Amino acid sequence: MALQQTIDDTVRGLGYDLVEIERSAGGLLRVTIDFPWSADAQPAPITVEDCERVTRQLQYVLEVEGADYRRLEVSSPGIDRPLRNAQDFERFTGEVVDLTLKAPIGTSAEGLVSANRKKFRGALQKGVDGGWQIVWRDEAPVKPGQRVSAKRPQAPEQVLGFTLDELSSARLAPLVDFKGRKPAEGQS
């Protein structure tokens, strides 16, 4: 715990937020940083120079503390950023997220959601009573090259309410459009 506090203090002292710390085999210490979030300002993305600045400072601090590691890696959260606390959920309201629940849900009132389902992908929204909800459509997969009729009815919209205590993990969905085109309305 002392190592995490040391890293957190160092990162915050440089003006960044600590997103996560990972230790893996071979002595790798991976630190993920981001800019602090405020509702009225859009933060810039983390750059290589930001990572280099934090790396240099952490190397000094960890040497003084006598931390046991062989290699230090500092990076940005990336496109599949983990969501850890209420502030992260507030920041990314409206974005497409991947959620994994700790326990499978029961069937919904309409019987549309499988009783043993734990993983969901959909748009994150504020729910009622201070909770959160995710909204999605279970569209049938389309085969490559297959044309989809404009008359094809959309799958019904489904909503799942949850609290942060019910989550095993949550991440931004890594949606990348290499062609530079926006998805059609209603698709994600």
Protein backbone atom coordinates (compact mmCIF):
# COMPACT_ATOMS: atom_id res chain seq x y z
CA MET A 1 0.00 0.00 0.00
CA ALA A 2 2.91 2.35 0.68
CA LEU A 3 4.11 1.99 -2.93
CA GLN A 4 0.68 2.94 -4.28
CA GLN A 5 0.49 5.99 -2.01
CA THR A 6 4.00 7.08 -3.04
CA ILE A 7 3.15 6.77 -6.74
CA ASP A 8 -0.20 8.51 -6.26
CA ASP A 9 1.39 11.43 -4.39
CA THR A 10 4.10 11.81 -7.05
CA VAL A 11 1.65 11.69 -9.97
CA ARG A 12 -0.76 14.16 -8.32
CA GLY A 13 2.16 16.44 -7.48
CA LEU A 14 2.92 16.69 -11.20
CA GLY A 15 -0.70 17.63 -11.98
CA TYR A 16 -2.03 14.26 -13.22
CA ASP A 17 -4.47 11.67 -11.87
CA LEU A 18 -3.43 8.09 -11.19
CA VAL A 19 -5.77 5.75 -13.07
CA GLU A 20 -4.23 2.40 -12.17
CA ILE A 21 -1.07 0.59 -11.10
CA GLU A 22 -0.23 -2.92 -12.29
CA ARG A 23 2.59 -5.20 -11.23
CA SER A 24 3.36 -8.18 -13.37
CA ALA A 25 5.87 -11.00 -13.61
CA GLY A 26 9.40 -10.06 -14.45
CA GLY A 27 9.31 -6.93 -12.27
CA LEU A 28 7.23 -4.74 -14.60
CA LEU A 29 5.56 -1.80 -12.86
CA ARG A 30 2.92 -0.22 -15.12
CA VAL A 31 1.46 3.17 -14.12
CA THR A 32 -1.49 4.66 -16.01
CA ILE A 33 -2.08 8.43 -15.78
CA ASP A 34 -4.65 10.92 -17.00
CA PHE A 35 -5.39 14.63 -16.62
CA PRO A 36 -7.75 15.60 -13.78
CA TRP A 37 -11.35 15.97 -14.93
CA SER A 38 -13.70 18.86 -14.35
CA ALA A 39 -17.20 19.17 -15.79
CA ASP A 40 -16.52 22.57 -17.38
CA ALA A 41 -13.21 21.81 -19.14
CA GLN A 42 -12.36 19.25 -21.80
CA PRO A 43 -8.93 17.81 -20.88
CA ALA A 44 -6.28 17.29 -23.52
CA PRO A 45 -5.09 13.74 -24.19
CA ILE A 46 -1.98 12.44 -22.44
CA THR A 47 1.09 12.85 -24.65
CA VAL A 48 4.43 11.05 -24.82
CA GLU A 49 6.02 14.07 -23.14
CA ASP A 50 3.58 13.74 -20.20
CA CYS A 51 4.49 10.06 -19.79
CA GLU A 52 8.20 10.88 -20.01
CA ARG A 53 7.88 13.59 -17.36
CA VAL A 54 6.11 11.23 -14.93
CA THR A 55 8.55 8.40 -15.70
CA ARG A 56 11.59 10.54 -14.87
CA GLN A 57 10.08 11.74 -11.58
CA LEU A 58 8.91 8.25 -10.57
CA GLN A 59 12.36 6.78 -11.26
CA TYR A 60 13.89 9.21 -8.75
CA VAL A 61 11.17 8.71 -6.14
CA LEU A 62 11.13 4.90 -6.43
CA GLU A 63 14.92 4.76 -6.15
CA VAL A 64 14.83 6.83 -2.94
CA GLU A 65 12.00 4.64 -1.56
CA GLY A 66 13.90 1.45 -2.47
CA ALA A 67 10.96 0.04 -4.48
CA ASP A 68 11.50 -3.38 -6.01
CA TYR A 69 10.90 -3.26 -9.77
CA ARG A 70 12.95 -3.96 -12.90
CA ARG A 71 11.12 -1.86 -15.47
CA LEU A 72 8.78 1.11 -15.22
CA GLU A 73 6.15 1.84 -17.85
CA VAL A 74 3.97 4.98 -17.73
CA SER A 75 1.10 5.29 -20.20
CA SER A 76 -2.24 6.92 -20.93
CA PRO A 77 -5.49 5.06 -20.20
CA GLY A 78 -6.07 4.38 -23.91
CA ILE A 79 -9.34 3.89 -25.77
CA ASP A 80 -10.50 1.11 -23.44
CA ARG A 81 -10.01 3.15 -20.28
CA PRO A 82 -11.17 1.49 -17.05
CA LEU A 83 -13.95 3.21 -15.12
CA ARG A 84 -13.22 2.92 -11.40
CA ASN A 85 -15.24 5.46 -9.44
CA ALA A 86 -18.31 7.69 -9.59
CA GLN A 87 -16.28 10.56 -11.07
CA ASP A 88 -15.25 8.33 -14.02
CA PHE A 89 -18.90 7.40 -14.64
CA GLU A 90 -19.91 11.06 -14.46
CA ARG A 91 -17.13 12.00 -16.90
CA PHE A 92 -18.10 9.39 -19.49
CA THR A 93 -21.90 9.63 -19.32
CA GLY A 94 -23.26 9.15 -22.86
CA GLU A 95 -20.28 7.06 -24.03
CA VAL A 96 -20.45 3.38 -25.03
CA VAL A 97 -19.11 1.18 -22.23
CA ASP A 98 -18.47 -2.51 -21.55
CA LEU A 99 -19.75 -3.68 -18.15
CA THR A 100 -19.26 -6.94 -16.31
CA LEU A 101 -21.48 -7.59 -13.29
CA LYS A 102 -20.34 -9.52 -10.23
CA ALA A 103 -23.40 -11.76 -10.40
CA PRO A 104 -25.71 -12.64 -13.30
CA ILE A 105 -28.98 -10.74 -13.45
CA GLY A 106 -32.44 -12.25 -13.34
CA THR A 107 -34.65 -12.04 -16.41
CA SER A 108 -36.01 -8.60 -17.15
CA ALA A 109 -39.71 -7.80 -17.00
CA GLU A 110 -40.05 -8.35 -20.73
CA GLY A 111 -37.97 -11.54 -20.57
CA LEU A 112 -35.53 -10.15 -23.17
CA VAL A 113 -32.29 -10.45 -21.18
CA SER A 114 -30.84 -13.88 -20.47
CA ALA A 115 -30.89 -14.84 -16.77
CA ASN A 116 -27.23 -15.86 -16.79
CA ARG A 117 -25.87 -12.78 -18.56
CA LYS A 118 -23.13 -10.75 -16.85
CA LYS A 119 -21.58 -8.77 -19.74
CA PHE A 120 -23.19 -5.78 -21.45
CA ARG A 121 -22.21 -3.10 -23.98
CA GLY A 122 -24.27 0.05 -24.35
CA ALA A 123 -24.59 3.76 -23.73
CA LEU A 124 -23.96 4.86 -20.14
CA GLN A 125 -26.66 7.07 -18.64
CA LYS A 126 -27.57 8.44 -15.24
CA GLY A 127 -30.29 6.35 -13.68
CA VAL A 128 -32.86 7.05 -11.04
CA ASP A 129 -32.07 7.32 -7.31
CA GLY A 130 -28.41 8.21 -7.93
CA GLY A 131 -27.67 4.98 -9.78
CA TRP A 132 -26.57 4.35 -13.33
CA GLN A 133 -28.04 2.57 -16.31
CA ILE A 134 -26.85 1.17 -19.60
CA VAL A 135 -29.01 1.25 -22.75
CA TRP A 136 -28.48 -1.10 -25.71
CA ARG A 137 -30.11 -3.00 -28.55
CA ASP A 138 -29.32 -6.67 -29.26
CA GLU A 139 -29.21 -6.45 -33.06
CA ALA A 140 -28.76 -9.66 -35.02
CA PRO A 141 -25.23 -9.82 -36.46
CA VAL A 142 -24.86 -8.98 -40.14
CA LYS A 143 -22.60 -11.12 -42.31
CA PRO A 144 -19.88 -9.33 -44.28
CA GLY A 145 -21.22 -8.15 -47.63
CA GLN A 146 -24.83 -8.75 -46.62
CA ARG A 147 -27.23 -5.88 -47.34
CA VAL A 148 -29.55 -4.83 -44.56
CA SER A 149 -33.03 -3.70 -45.57
CA ALA A 150 -34.08 -0.23 -44.47
CA LYS A 151 -37.47 -1.79 -43.64
CA ARG A 152 -35.91 -4.19 -41.15
CA PRO A 153 -37.38 -3.44 -37.71
CA GLN A 154 -34.96 -2.38 -35.01
CA ALA A 155 -34.42 -4.61 -32.01
CA PRO A 156 -36.15 -3.27 -28.90
CA GLU A 157 -34.15 -0.93 -26.70
CA GLN A 158 -33.16 -2.51 -23.39
CA VAL A 159 -32.17 -0.79 -20.17
CA LEU A 160 -30.31 -2.18 -17.18
CA GLY A 161 -30.02 -0.18 -13.96
CA PHE A 162 -27.05 -0.86 -11.68
CA THR A 163 -24.97 0.53 -8.84
CA LEU A 164 -21.18 0.68 -8.75
CA ASP A 165 -21.14 -2.00 -6.04
CA GLU A 166 -22.72 -4.50 -8.47
CA LEU A 167 -19.90 -4.14 -11.03
CA SER A 168 -16.96 -6.45 -11.43
CA SER A 169 -15.41 -4.21 -14.10
CA ALA A 170 -16.29 -1.34 -16.42
CA ARG A 171 -14.36 0.08 -19.39
CA LEU A 172 -14.95 2.42 -22.27
CA ALA A 173 -15.79 0.32 -25.32
CA PRO A 174 -12.88 0.43 -27.80
CA LEU A 175 -14.81 1.61 -30.85
CA VAL A 176 -12.49 2.61 -33.69
CA ASP A 177 -13.60 3.80 -37.12
CA PHE A 178 -10.66 3.46 -39.50
CA LYS A 179 -12.63 4.80 -42.48
CA GLY A 180 -13.42 8.14 -40.87
CA ARG A 181 -17.16 7.72 -41.27
CA LYS A 182 -19.62 8.11 -38.46
CA PRO A 183 -22.01 5.20 -37.76
CA ALA A 184 -25.58 5.65 -38.94
CA GLU A 185 -28.10 6.87 -36.38
CA GLY A 186 -29.07 4.08 -33.98
CA GLN A 187 -25.97 1.97 -34.68
CA SER A 188 -23.00 1.66 -32.38
